[in-house]
């Protein structure tokens, strides 16, 4: 579907990680949650409102070594990575901070 998908995580988790990235749901749910650009703002505000120190990982799906599946949630298909995220699939890491009201605007300027 899309060549680039996005994943939100704490900066420290990404920067302190070793080898392949597992996120906070791979071990508990069996996959790493991701979003498309169009889904990003809603995802950020629904699950991360008010949190600081986050980053958005821009992932090139053509570089993934783990399977990628598009699965429905609330009537919309979301990308899920079924295995560890190999770091060389991440092509850009972007800071994500909320505005004064604790909300995210994405894409932001």
Protein backbone atom coordinates (compact mmCIF):
# COMPACT_ATOMS: atom_id res chain seq x y z
CA UNK A 1 0.00 0.00 0.00
CA UNK A 2 2.48 2.65 1.18
CA UNK A 3 6.25 2.49 0.95
CA UNK A 4 6.65 4.63 4.10
CA UNK A 5 4.90 3.89 7.38
CA UNK A 6 5.33 5.62 10.74
CA UNK A 7 5.78 4.49 14.33
CA UNK A 8 5.76 6.61 17.52
CA UNK A 9 7.99 5.79 20.47
CA UNK A 10 9.87 7.52 23.28
CA UNK A 11 13.17 8.99 22.09
CA UNK A 12 15.07 7.20 24.85
CA UNK A 13 13.61 3.82 23.84
CA UNK A 14 14.79 4.30 20.26
CA UNK A 15 18.20 5.77 21.11
CA UNK A 16 19.03 3.25 23.84
CA UNK A 17 17.86 0.23 21.91
CA UNK A 18 20.14 -2.48 20.69
CA UNK A 19 20.02 -4.40 17.45
CA UNK A 20 16.46 -4.74 16.20
CA UNK A 21 13.67 -2.67 17.75
CA UNK A 22 10.82 -4.52 19.46
CA UNK A 23 8.62 -1.62 20.54
CA UNK A 24 6.29 -1.95 23.49
CA UNK A 25 3.80 -4.34 21.89
CA UNK A 26 5.75 -6.97 19.96
CA UNK A 27 6.11 -9.23 22.98
CA UNK A 28 2.57 -8.65 24.29
CA UNK A 29 0.51 -8.37 21.08
CA UNK A 30 2.75 -10.06 18.52
CA UNK A 31 3.31 -7.01 16.33
CA UNK A 32 4.51 -3.39 16.29
CA UNK A 33 1.77 -0.83 15.68
CA UNK A 34 2.35 1.64 12.85
CA UNK A 35 0.39 4.29 10.97
CA UNK A 36 0.29 5.94 7.59
CA UNK A 37 0.91 9.66 7.23
CA UNK A 38 -2.87 10.20 7.00
CA UNK A 39 -3.44 8.24 10.25
CA UNK A 40 -0.56 9.77 12.21
CA UNK A 41 -2.20 12.76 13.89
CA UNK A 42 -5.17 10.74 15.13
CA UNK A 43 -2.90 7.98 16.43
CA UNK A 44 -0.63 10.46 18.22
CA UNK A 45 -3.52 12.24 19.92
CA UNK A 46 -5.39 9.06 20.83
CA UNK A 47 -2.51 7.17 22.40
CA UNK A 48 0.15 9.77 23.25
CA UNK A 49 -1.68 13.03 24.10
CA UNK A 50 0.39 15.22 26.40
CA UNK A 51 3.47 13.03 26.29
CA UNK A 52 6.82 14.64 25.57
CA UNK A 53 10.13 13.29 24.32
CA UNK A 54 8.65 11.23 21.51
CA UNK A 55 9.97 10.50 18.04
CA UNK A 56 8.37 9.34 14.83
CA UNK A 57 10.22 6.59 13.00
CA UNK A 58 9.83 6.80 9.22
CA UNK A 59 10.06 3.21 8.01
CA UNK A 60 10.73 2.14 4.43
CA UNK A 61 8.54 -0.95 4.05
CA UNK A 62 10.73 -2.24 1.22
CA UNK A 63 13.58 -2.65 3.70
CA UNK A 64 11.66 -4.57 6.37
CA UNK A 65 12.91 -8.03 7.24
CA UNK A 66 9.80 -8.89 9.30
CA UNK A 67 6.39 -9.40 7.68
CA UNK A 68 4.12 -6.37 7.27
CA UNK A 69 0.36 -6.86 7.41
CA UNK A 70 -2.41 -4.33 6.84
CA UNK A 71 -5.19 -5.06 9.30
CA UNK A 72 -8.52 -3.37 10.05
CA UNK A 73 -9.14 -1.38 13.19
CA UNK A 74 -12.31 0.66 13.50
CA UNK A 75 -12.96 0.28 9.78
CA UNK A 76 -9.51 1.45 8.64
CA UNK A 77 -6.49 -0.66 7.69
CA UNK A 78 -3.38 -0.04 9.79
CA UNK A 79 0.14 -1.37 9.12
CA UNK A 80 1.50 -3.87 11.65
CA UNK A 81 5.05 -5.26 11.67
CA UNK A 82 5.04 -8.92 12.76
CA UNK A 83 8.53 -9.19 14.15
CA UNK A 84 11.39 -6.95 15.25
CA UNK A 85 11.99 -3.76 13.26
CA UNK A 86 15.41 -3.88 11.65
CA UNK A 87 17.04 -0.49 12.23
CA UNK A 88 18.21 -0.09 8.64
CA UNK A 89 14.55 0.12 7.56
CA UNK A 90 14.24 3.40 9.52
CA UNK A 91 15.15 6.13 7.07
CA UNK A 92 14.34 9.16 9.23
CA UNK A 93 13.76 9.89 12.92
CA UNK A 94 11.71 12.99 13.68
CA UNK A 95 10.98 14.68 17.01
CA UNK A 96 7.30 14.75 17.97
CA UNK A 97 6.22 17.19 20.66
CA UNK A 98 2.69 18.30 21.60
CA UNK A 99 1.49 21.88 21.43
CA UNK A 100 0.69 23.96 24.53
CA UNK A 101 -2.66 22.17 24.87
CA UNK A 102 -0.95 18.76 24.83
CA UNK A 103 -2.18 17.89 21.34
CA UNK A 104 -0.20 16.86 18.28
CA UNK A 105 -0.48 18.42 14.84
CA UNK A 106 0.91 16.18 12.15
CA UNK A 107 2.40 16.88 9.79
CA UNK A 108 3.66 19.84 11.71
CA UNK A 109 5.81 22.79 10.77
